[in-house]
């Protein structure tokens, strides 16, 4: 059993222990408050200190002045101005093929030979009939002349005289008929030798030697196309009609075409005419141009894109299209100032062509525009042109 004296002594020690720890807790609290205040003051000082702003790497280009052709774009197909399907004009058997497929043909070159035997016989028959009837005409003419003198002396009747006159006229008409038959026989014989009607390129032969073909309604024997000059047919929207007509009234319009797959080769031509109507189903109108093709780079049937030149923008301000950015208010671009800082400009652009674009408003010729590195860029931010930076590094190395 604990004595009363021991119990009092334990209470006293407990009170002393609590008093000592209370002082420690108070001191700890003071230190914690001081630490928090110090941390807050340091944070405020760091926030007020400006972080260094480093120049943003970009790529740039100069805006410049240039005369730019104004054009409307479309697409169309090339065709031959003369594509002739060769057919037989007489019936008969093909004896010879006198050309090579895909080769150049001159007007008058022999293509096919049809068996001429029957037509030569018809020609000989027509010649013989003409000679026979010419003799008959001579006889009838002599008889008429003799009886004319007798009629003048009233030695023959008027009826007999008219009979002689009629016989001579009939003989003369028969001679004229024989001449026509002879000419027809000569024409048919000539049709046995089929020639090229144009200077052009022969296509695939469709009929072999030995086949019997019918006149006019028979198969196409071969096709011959002119390709030294080609037509280019295309369409434009109805809204472009006034612009094109106005440009045509001021002179001949030129076109630039590029065959699909040949993006580096541009072929030039001239607009021939526009069609006399607008298609009410498609809302377009048709145009046709002529393109020279002496080097044979183009081929009938090819699909191509076209630029129809309708005017010229004199001294237009031009910059790379990559410099133009699209925002909520429209197009804008960043310009590098003399202090090498970015300056944002709202711009109005015009025609785009070959990677460049006409700037109608917002940028002057000679100003430096940023073409790469606009992402995250803001007005007043310092920039450095990486191309110039690399040049400086190379010079230092040398």
Foldseek 3Di string as FASTA:
>chain_A
DDDPVVVVVVVVVVVVVVVVVVVVVVVVVVVVVVVVVVVVVVVVVVVVDDDDFDAAEFAWDFWFWDKAFDWDKWKFFKAFPDKDQDFFQAWAFWADAQDDAFDWFAAFAWGTAGPLVVLVVQLVVLVVQLVVLVVQLVVLVVVLVVVVVCVVVVNDDPVVNVVSVVSNVVSVVSNVVSVVSNVVSVVNSVSSGDGHRHGFTKHDADDDGGDIAHRPPGDGGIMGGHDQKIKTKTKDALVCVVLQVVLVVVHWKKKWKDFPPRVPDTFMWTWDDWDPDAPPVPRITMTMIMTGQNVVPDDGGTMIMMIIGRGIDHGFTKDFPLQWDADPVGIWGWWQDPVQWTDIWDWDWDDDDPRMTTTPDTDDGGTMTTRGDCVPHDGGRHHDHVVVVVVVVVVVVD
